[in-house]
Amino acid sequence: RARTRLAGSKKERGLARYIRRKDTTSIEAYKADILEAKTEVGSVLSELVKADDYEKGQALLREGTFKTFRNSVRAIVTYRSLKSLEEVTLQDVFKPLEKMDGLMKTGVNLKQEEGGDGEAKKAELATTQESIFRAIGDFQDATQKLIEV
């Protein structure tokens, strides 16, 4: 039995190397990541959209702060669940983020599109821009609700 127990513990330790566990004890680090992303979206991304620079906006959503953003959101959602706080789902946060990314792609495509009616293209870009600003607002609301722990 001792051998079986020892073999089992070695096996568990071996697997533990491959399993990432979320540390939900220090929530402040995760909150800081979320707050930084919230600030970037509210200021930097908004300015890029106003300047019709959808390429840089799309890059912003995929680099820097947003590299760790998803892990931070998951950690806080788990923490909130463990502490029996008001539920915030992953979709509440990720849906506006994905919508912003998709709209940025639409903006890039519209700007690169050749030909067609110039006025119609401007109107479509303006509509895309308005949709991005609505998605930014949704993202700001969701992230604010998330960090209120």
N, C-alpha and C. Protein backbone atom coordinates (compact mmCIF):
# COMPACT_ATOMS: atom_id res chain seq x y z
N ARG A 1 0.82 -1.21 0.00
CA ARG A 1 0.00 0.00 0.00
C ARG A 1 0.86 1.26 0.00
N ALA A 2 1.91 1.24 0.76
CA ALA A 2 2.80 2.40 0.81
C ALA A 2 3.38 2.69 -0.57
N ARG A 3 3.71 1.61 -1.29
CA ARG A 3 4.24 1.79 -2.64
C ARG A 3 3.19 2.42 -3.56
N THR A 4 1.96 1.96 -3.44
CA THR A 4 0.88 2.49 -4.27
C THR A 4 0.63 3.96 -3.94
N ARG A 5 0.63 4.28 -2.66
CA ARG A 5 0.42 5.66 -2.25
C ARG A 5 1.56 6.54 -2.77
N LEU A 6 2.79 6.06 -2.67
CA LEU A 6 3.95 6.81 -3.14
C LEU A 6 3.89 6.98 -4.65
N ALA A 7 3.55 5.92 -5.37
CA ALA A 7 3.45 6.01 -6.82
C ALA A 7 2.35 6.99 -7.22
N GLY A 8 1.24 6.94 -6.49
CA GLY A 8 0.15 7.87 -6.78
C GLY A 8 0.57 9.31 -6.56
N SER A 9 1.30 9.58 -5.50
CA SER A 9 1.71 10.96 -5.23
C SER A 9 2.73 11.43 -6.25
N LYS A 10 3.62 10.54 -6.71
CA LYS A 10 4.57 10.92 -7.77
C LYS A 10 3.82 11.26 -9.04
N LYS A 11 2.83 10.44 -9.33
CA LYS A 11 2.02 10.66 -10.53
C LYS A 11 1.30 12.00 -10.43
N GLU A 12 0.72 12.29 -9.27
CA GLU A 12 0.02 13.56 -9.08
C GLU A 12 0.98 14.73 -9.21
N ARG A 13 2.17 14.60 -8.62
CA ARG A 13 3.15 15.67 -8.73
C ARG A 13 3.58 15.86 -10.17
N GLY A 14 3.72 14.76 -10.89
CA GLY A 14 4.10 14.84 -12.30
C GLY A 14 3.06 15.58 -13.12
N LEU A 15 1.79 15.29 -12.87
CA LEU A 15 0.71 15.97 -13.59
C LEU A 15 0.59 17.43 -13.18
N ALA A 16 0.91 17.72 -11.94
CA ALA A 16 0.78 19.09 -11.44
C ALA A 16 1.64 20.06 -12.23
N ARG A 17 2.73 19.55 -12.80
CA ARG A 17 3.58 20.43 -13.61
C ARG A 17 2.85 20.97 -14.83
N TYR A 18 1.86 20.23 -15.29
CA TYR A 18 1.16 20.60 -16.52
C TYR A 18 -0.17 21.29 -16.28
N ILE A 19 -0.60 21.35 -15.06
CA ILE A 19 -1.89 21.94 -14.73
C ILE A 19 -1.66 23.30 -14.09
N ARG A 20 -2.19 24.34 -14.72
CA ARG A 20 -2.07 25.69 -14.15
C ARG A 20 -3.25 25.94 -13.25
N ARG A 21 -2.96 26.23 -12.04
CA ARG A 21 -4.01 26.55 -11.08
C ARG A 21 -4.08 28.06 -10.93
N LYS A 22 -5.28 28.55 -10.81
CA LYS A 22 -5.47 29.98 -10.63
C LYS A 22 -5.27 30.33 -9.16
N ASP A 23 -4.45 31.33 -8.93
CA ASP A 23 -4.25 31.81 -7.57
C ASP A 23 -5.29 32.89 -7.32
N THR A 24 -6.30 32.56 -6.54
CA THR A 24 -7.36 33.52 -6.29
C THR A 24 -7.22 34.17 -4.92
N THR A 25 -6.08 34.00 -4.30
CA THR A 25 -5.88 34.60 -2.98
C THR A 25 -5.46 36.06 -3.09
N SER A 26 -4.68 36.40 -4.10
CA SER A 26 -4.24 37.78 -4.29
C SER A 26 -4.99 38.39 -5.47
N ILE A 27 -6.16 38.85 -5.22
CA ILE A 27 -7.04 39.34 -6.28
C ILE A 27 -6.63 40.73 -6.78
N GLU A 28 -5.87 41.46 -5.98
CA GLU A 28 -5.49 42.83 -6.34
C GLU A 28 -4.67 42.90 -7.63
N ALA A 29 -3.79 41.92 -7.85
CA ALA A 29 -2.98 41.90 -9.08
C ALA A 29 -3.88 41.74 -10.30
N TYR A 30 -4.88 40.88 -10.18
CA TYR A 30 -5.81 40.67 -11.28
C TYR A 30 -6.67 41.92 -11.51
N LYS A 31 -7.09 42.54 -10.43
CA LYS A 31 -7.88 43.77 -10.55
C LYS A 31 -7.07 44.86 -11.25
N ALA A 32 -5.78 44.94 -10.95
CA ALA A 32 -4.92 45.94 -11.59
C ALA A 32 -4.85 45.71 -13.10
N ASP A 33 -4.76 44.45 -13.52
CA ASP A 33 -4.75 44.13 -14.96
C ASP A 33 -6.05 44.58 -15.63
N ILE A 34 -7.16 44.30 -14.98
CA ILE A 34 -8.47 44.66 -15.53
C ILE A 34 -8.61 46.18 -15.60
N LEU A 35 -8.18 46.86 -14.55
CA LEU A 35 -8.26 48.31 -14.52
C LEU A 35 -7.41 48.94 -15.61
N GLU A 36 -6.22 48.38 -15.84
CA GLU A 36 -5.34 48.89 -16.89
C GLU A 36 -5.98 48.71 -18.27
N ALA A 37 -6.57 47.55 -18.50
CA ALA A 37 -7.25 47.29 -19.77
C ALA A 37 -8.44 48.23 -19.94
N LYS A 38 -9.18 48.44 -18.87
CA LYS A 38 -10.34 49.34 -18.90
C LYS A 38 -9.90 50.75 -19.27
N THR A 39 -8.80 51.19 -18.68
CA THR A 39 -8.27 52.53 -18.96
C THR A 39 -7.80 52.64 -20.40
N GLU A 40 -7.08 51.62 -20.88
CA GLU A 40 -6.60 51.64 -22.27
C GLU A 40 -7.75 51.71 -23.26
N VAL A 41 -8.78 50.94 -23.01
CA VAL A 41 -9.93 50.95 -23.92
C VAL A 41 -10.62 52.31 -23.87
N GLY A 42 -10.77 52.85 -22.66
CA GLY A 42 -11.47 54.13 -22.50
C GLY A 42 -10.73 55.31 -23.10
N SER A 43 -9.41 55.29 -23.05
CA SER A 43 -8.67 56.45 -23.55
C SER A 43 -7.99 56.17 -24.88
N VAL A 44 -7.05 55.23 -24.90
CA VAL A 44 -6.25 54.99 -26.11
C VAL A 44 -7.11 54.49 -27.26
N LEU A 45 -7.90 53.46 -27.03
CA LEU A 45 -8.71 52.91 -28.10
C LEU A 45 -9.72 53.93 -28.62
N SER A 46 -10.33 54.68 -27.72
CA SER A 46 -11.28 55.71 -28.14
C SER A 46 -10.62 56.72 -29.07
N GLU A 47 -9.41 57.14 -28.73
CA GLU A 47 -8.69 58.11 -29.57
C GLU A 47 -8.34 57.51 -30.92
N LEU A 48 -7.93 56.25 -30.94
CA LEU A 48 -7.60 55.59 -32.20
C LEU A 48 -8.82 55.49 -33.10
N VAL A 49 -9.97 55.19 -32.51
CA VAL A 49 -11.20 55.09 -33.30
C VAL A 49 -11.59 56.46 -33.84
N LYS A 50 -11.46 57.50 -33.02
CA LYS A 50 -11.77 58.86 -33.48
C LYS A 50 -10.89 59.24 -34.66
N ALA A 51 -9.64 58.74 -34.66
CA ALA A 51 -8.69 59.05 -35.74
C ALA A 51 -8.81 58.06 -36.90
N ASP A 52 -9.80 57.19 -36.86
CA ASP A 52 -10.00 56.15 -37.89
C ASP A 52 -8.79 55.24 -38.05
N ASP A 53 -8.05 55.01 -36.97
CA ASP A 53 -6.88 54.13 -37.02
C ASP A 53 -7.28 52.76 -36.46
N TYR A 54 -8.02 52.02 -37.26
CA TYR A 54 -8.56 50.74 -36.82
C TYR A 54 -7.48 49.66 -36.71
N GLU A 55 -6.42 49.78 -37.54
CA GLU A 55 -5.33 48.80 -37.48
C GLU A 55 -4.66 48.82 -36.10
N LYS A 56 -4.31 50.02 -35.63
CA LYS A 56 -3.67 50.14 -34.32
C LYS A 56 -4.64 49.75 -33.21
N GLY A 57 -5.91 50.07 -33.39
CA GLY A 57 -6.92 49.69 -32.41
C GLY A 57 -7.04 48.18 -32.29
N GLN A 58 -7.01 47.51 -33.43
CA GLN A 58 -7.08 46.05 -33.43
C GLN A 58 -5.83 45.46 -32.77
N ALA A 59 -4.67 46.04 -33.06
CA ALA A 59 -3.42 45.56 -32.45
C ALA A 59 -3.45 45.76 -30.93
N LEU A 60 -4.00 46.88 -30.48
CA LEU A 60 -4.09 47.17 -29.04
C LEU A 60 -4.88 46.08 -28.31
N LEU A 61 -5.94 45.60 -28.95
CA LEU A 61 -6.80 44.59 -28.33
C LEU A 61 -6.16 43.20 -28.30
N ARG A 62 -5.02 43.06 -28.94
CA ARG A 62 -4.39 41.74 -29.02
C ARG A 62 -3.01 41.69 -28.39
N GLU A 63 -2.51 42.81 -27.92
CA GLU A 63 -1.15 42.86 -27.38
C GLU A 63 -1.15 43.50 -26.01
N GLY A 64 0.02 43.63 -25.44
CA GLY A 64 0.22 44.34 -24.18
C GLY A 64 -0.67 43.85 -23.07
N THR A 65 -1.45 44.75 -22.54
CA THR A 65 -2.34 44.48 -21.42
C THR A 65 -3.28 43.31 -21.70
N PHE A 66 -3.70 43.19 -22.92
CA PHE A 66 -4.71 42.18 -23.25
C PHE A 66 -4.15 40.77 -23.36
N LYS A 67 -2.82 40.63 -23.29
CA LYS A 67 -2.23 39.28 -23.28
C LYS A 67 -2.60 38.54 -22.00
N THR A 68 -2.67 39.24 -20.88
CA THR A 68 -3.00 38.61 -19.61
C THR A 68 -4.45 38.87 -19.18
N PHE A 69 -5.15 39.66 -19.96
CA PHE A 69 -6.51 40.08 -19.61
C PHE A 69 -7.45 38.90 -19.39
N ARG A 70 -7.48 37.96 -20.30
CA ARG A 70 -8.42 36.83 -20.19
C ARG A 70 -8.17 36.01 -18.93
N ASN A 71 -6.89 35.76 -18.61
CA ASN A 71 -6.58 35.02 -17.38
C ASN A 71 -7.03 35.80 -16.15
N SER A 72 -6.83 37.10 -16.17
CA SER A 72 -7.24 37.93 -15.03
C SER A 72 -8.75 37.91 -14.85
N VAL A 73 -9.48 38.00 -15.95
CA VAL A 73 -10.95 37.95 -15.88
C VAL A 73 -11.40 36.62 -15.29
N ARG A 74 -10.83 35.54 -15.78
CA ARG A 74 -11.21 34.21 -15.28
C ARG A 74 -10.91 34.09 -13.78
N ALA A 75 -9.77 34.61 -13.36
CA ALA A 75 -9.40 34.53 -11.94
C ALA A 75 -10.39 35.30 -11.07
N ILE A 76 -10.79 36.49 -11.52
CA ILE A 76 -11.72 37.29 -10.73
C ILE A 76 -13.11 36.65 -10.72
N VAL A 77 -13.54 36.11 -11.85
CA VAL A 77 -14.84 35.43 -11.91
C VAL A 77 -14.83 34.24 -10.94
N THR A 78 -13.74 33.49 -10.91
CA THR A 78 -13.61 32.36 -9.99
C THR A 78 -13.63 32.85 -8.55
N TYR A 79 -12.90 33.91 -8.27
CA TYR A 79 -12.84 34.49 -6.92
C TYR A 79 -14.23 34.93 -6.47
N ARG A 80 -14.94 35.63 -7.36
CA ARG A 80 -16.29 36.10 -7.03
C ARG A 80 -17.21 34.91 -6.73
N SER A 81 -17.06 33.85 -7.49
CA SER A 81 -17.87 32.66 -7.28
C SER A 81 -17.56 32.01 -5.93
N LEU A 82 -16.27 31.89 -5.62
CA LEU A 82 -15.86 31.29 -4.34
C LEU A 82 -16.33 32.11 -3.15
N LYS A 83 -16.37 33.43 -3.30
CA LYS A 83 -16.78 34.32 -2.21
C LYS A 83 -18.29 34.57 -2.22
N SER A 84 -19.01 33.91 -3.11
CA SER A 84 -20.47 34.06 -3.24
C SER A 84 -20.89 35.51 -3.47
N LEU A 85 -20.11 36.22 -4.28
CA LEU A 85 -20.45 37.60 -4.64
C LEU A 85 -21.36 37.58 -5.86
N GLU A 86 -21.92 38.73 -6.19
CA GLU A 86 -22.80 38.82 -7.35
C GLU A 86 -22.09 38.27 -8.59
N GLU A 87 -22.80 37.42 -9.32
CA GLU A 87 -22.19 36.75 -10.46
C GLU A 87 -21.94 37.71 -11.62
N VAL A 88 -20.75 37.61 -12.17
CA VAL A 88 -20.40 38.26 -13.42
C VAL A 88 -19.87 37.14 -14.30
N THR A 89 -20.50 36.92 -15.45
CA THR A 89 -20.06 35.81 -16.30
C THR A 89 -18.92 36.24 -17.20
N LEU A 90 -18.19 35.26 -17.69
CA LEU A 90 -17.11 35.55 -18.63
C LEU A 90 -17.66 36.25 -19.87
N GLN A 91 -18.83 35.81 -20.32
CA GLN A 91 -19.44 36.41 -21.50
C GLN A 91 -19.76 37.89 -21.32
N ASP A 92 -20.11 38.28 -20.10
CA ASP A 92 -20.40 39.70 -19.83
C ASP A 92 -19.22 40.58 -20.20
N VAL A 93 -18.01 40.06 -20.01
CA VAL A 93 -16.80 40.83 -20.28
C VAL A 93 -16.27 40.56 -21.68
N PHE A 94 -16.25 39.30 -22.09
CA PHE A 94 -15.63 38.95 -23.37
C PHE A 94 -16.47 39.34 -24.58
N LYS A 95 -17.79 39.36 -24.44
CA LYS A 95 -18.65 39.68 -25.58
C LYS A 95 -18.38 41.09 -26.13
N PRO A 96 -18.35 42.14 -25.27
CA PRO A 96 -18.04 43.47 -25.81
C PRO A 96 -16.62 43.55 -26.39
N LEU A 97 -15.69 42.82 -25.79
CA LEU A 97 -14.32 42.80 -26.29
C LEU A 97 -14.26 42.19 -27.69
N GLU A 98 -14.94 41.07 -27.87
CA GLU A 98 -14.98 40.42 -29.18
C GLU A 98 -15.72 41.29 -30.20
N LYS A 99 -16.75 41.98 -29.73
CA LYS A 99 -17.49 42.87 -30.63
C LYS A 99 -16.59 44.01 -31.10
N MET A 100 -15.82 44.59 -30.16
CA MET A 100 -14.90 45.67 -30.54
C MET A 100 -13.90 45.17 -31.57
N ASP A 101 -13.36 43.98 -31.35
CA ASP A 101 -12.37 43.42 -32.26
C ASP A 101 -12.97 43.21 -33.65
N GLY A 102 -14.17 42.65 -33.71
CA GLY A 102 -14.84 42.44 -34.99
C GLY A 102 -15.14 43.75 -35.71
N LEU A 103 -15.56 44.75 -34.96
CA LEU A 103 -15.85 46.06 -35.56
C LEU A 103 -14.57 46.75 -36.04
N MET A 104 -13.47 46.53 -35.32
CA MET A 104 -12.18 47.08 -35.77
C MET A 104 -11.82 46.47 -37.12
N LYS A 105 -12.04 45.17 -37.26
CA LYS A 105 -11.76 44.48 -38.52
C LYS A 105 -12.64 45.05 -39.63
N THR A 106 -13.90 45.30 -39.31
CA THR A 106 -14.81 45.91 -40.29
C THR A 106 -14.28 47.27 -40.71
N GLY A 107 -13.81 48.07 -39.73
CA GLY A 107 -13.24 49.39 -40.04
C GLY A 107 -12.03 49.28 -40.94
N VAL A 108 -11.16 48.32 -40.66
CA VAL A 108 -9.96 48.11 -41.49
C VAL A 108 -10.39 47.76 -42.91
N ASN A 109 -11.33 46.84 -43.04
CA ASN A 109 -11.79 46.42 -44.37
C ASN A 109 -12.44 47.57 -45.13
N LEU A 110 -13.24 48.37 -44.46
CA LEU A 110 -13.90 49.50 -45.12
C LEU A 110 -12.88 50.52 -45.61
N LYS A 111 -11.86 50.77 -44.81
CA LYS A 111 -10.84 51.74 -45.22
C LYS A 111 -10.02 51.23 -46.39
N GLN A 112 -9.82 49.92 -46.47
CA GLN A 112 -9.01 49.34 -47.54
C GLN A 112 -9.81 49.08 -48.81
N GLU A 113 -11.12 49.09 -48.68
CA GLU A 113 -12.01 48.82 -49.81
C GLU A 113 -11.84 49.90 -50.88
N GLU A 114 -11.70 49.45 -52.10
CA GLU A 114 -11.54 50.41 -53.20
C GLU A 114 -12.84 50.57 -53.96
N GLY A 115 -12.98 51.72 -54.57
CA GLY A 115 -14.16 51.97 -55.37
C GLY A 115 -15.39 52.23 -54.53
N GLY A 116 -16.52 52.21 -55.17
CA GLY A 116 -17.78 52.42 -54.46
C GLY A 116 -18.04 53.90 -54.22
N ASP A 117 -19.18 54.17 -53.67
CA ASP A 117 -19.62 55.53 -53.38
C ASP A 117 -18.90 56.05 -52.14
N GLY A 118 -18.22 57.17 -52.28
CA GLY A 118 -17.47 57.76 -51.17
C GLY A 118 -18.35 58.13 -49.99
N GLU A 119 -19.52 58.67 -50.28
CA GLU A 119 -20.44 59.07 -49.20
C GLU A 119 -20.99 57.85 -48.47
N ALA A 120 -21.31 56.81 -49.21
CA ALA A 120 -21.83 55.58 -48.59
C ALA A 120 -20.77 54.96 -47.69
N LYS A 121 -19.53 55.00 -48.16
CA LYS A 121 -18.42 54.45 -47.38
C LYS A 121 -18.22 55.25 -46.09
N LYS A 122 -18.30 56.57 -46.20
CA LYS A 122 -18.18 57.43 -45.01
C LYS A 122 -19.29 57.14 -44.01
N ALA A 123 -20.50 56.96 -44.53
CA ALA A 123 -21.65 56.67 -43.65
C ALA A 123 -21.46 55.32 -42.96
N GLU A 124 -20.96 54.33 -43.70
CA GLU A 124 -20.74 53.01 -43.11
C GLU A 124 -19.63 53.06 -42.06
N LEU A 125 -18.58 53.83 -42.33
CA LEU A 125 -17.52 54.00 -41.34
C LEU A 125 -18.04 54.70 -40.09
N ALA A 126 -18.89 55.69 -40.28
CA ALA A 126 -19.47 56.41 -39.13
C ALA A 126 -20.34 55.47 -38.29
N THR A 127 -21.11 54.62 -38.95
CA THR A 127 -21.94 53.64 -38.24
C THR A 127 -21.07 52.65 -37.47
N THR A 128 -19.99 52.21 -38.11
CA THR A 128 -19.06 51.29 -37.45
C THR A 128 -18.44 51.95 -36.24
N GLN A 129 -18.06 53.21 -36.40
CA GLN A 129 -17.46 53.96 -35.30
C GLN A 129 -18.43 54.08 -34.12
N GLU A 130 -19.68 54.40 -34.40
CA GLU A 130 -20.70 54.49 -33.34
C GLU A 130 -20.87 53.15 -32.63
N SER A 131 -20.87 52.06 -33.39
CA SER A 131 -21.00 50.73 -32.80
C SER A 131 -19.81 50.41 -31.90
N ILE A 132 -18.62 50.82 -32.32
CA ILE A 132 -17.43 50.60 -31.50
C ILE A 132 -17.56 51.36 -30.19
N PHE A 133 -18.01 52.60 -30.25
CA PHE A 133 -18.16 53.38 -29.02
C PHE A 133 -19.20 52.77 -28.08
N ARG A 134 -20.27 52.19 -28.63
CA ARG A 134 -21.25 51.49 -27.79
C ARG A 134 -20.61 50.26 -27.14
N ALA A 135 -19.82 49.52 -27.91
CA ALA A 135 -19.13 48.34 -27.38
C ALA A 135 -18.12 48.74 -26.30
N ILE A 136 -17.46 49.88 -26.50
CA ILE A 136 -16.52 50.39 -25.49
C ILE A 136 -17.28 50.68 -24.20
N GLY A 137 -18.44 51.30 -24.31
CA GLY A 137 -19.27 51.58 -23.13
C GLY A 137 -19.69 50.30 -22.41
N ASP A 138 -20.10 49.29 -23.19
CA ASP A 138 -20.48 48.00 -22.60
C ASP A 138 -19.29 47.36 -21.89
N PHE A 139 -18.12 47.46 -22.51
CA PHE A 139 -16.90 46.90 -21.92
C PHE A 139 -16.57 47.62 -20.62
N GLN A 140 -16.69 48.94 -20.63
CA GLN A 140 -16.39 49.73 -19.42
C GLN A 140 -17.34 49.32 -18.28
N ASP A 141 -18.61 49.17 -18.60
CA ASP A 141 -19.59 48.77 -17.57
C ASP A 141 -19.28 47.38 -17.02
N ALA A 142 -19.00 46.44 -17.92
CA ALA A 142 -18.74 45.06 -17.49
C ALA A 142 -17.48 44.96 -16.65
N THR A 143 -16.41 45.65 -17.06
CA THR A 143 -15.16 45.57 -16.30
C THR A 143 -15.30 46.27 -14.95
N GLN A 144 -16.06 47.36 -14.90
CA GLN A 144 -16.27 48.04 -13.63
C GLN A 144 -17.01 47.14 -12.65
N LYS A 145 -18.05 46.47 -13.15
CA LYS A 145 -18.81 45.55 -12.31
C LYS A 145 -17.92 44.40 -11.84
N LEU A 146 -17.04 43.95 -12.71
CA LEU A 146 -16.15 42.84 -12.38
C LEU A 146 -15.18 43.18 -11.26
N ILE A 147 -14.61 44.38 -11.28
CA ILE A 147 -13.58 44.72 -10.29
C ILE A 147 -14.15 45.21 -8.96
N GLU A 148 -15.45 45.36 -8.88
CA GLU A 148 -16.08 45.75 -7.62
C GLU A 148 -16.20 44.52 -6.72
N VAL A 149 -15.08 44.17 -6.11
CA VAL A 149 -15.01 42.98 -5.26
C VAL A 149 -14.98 43.40 -3.82
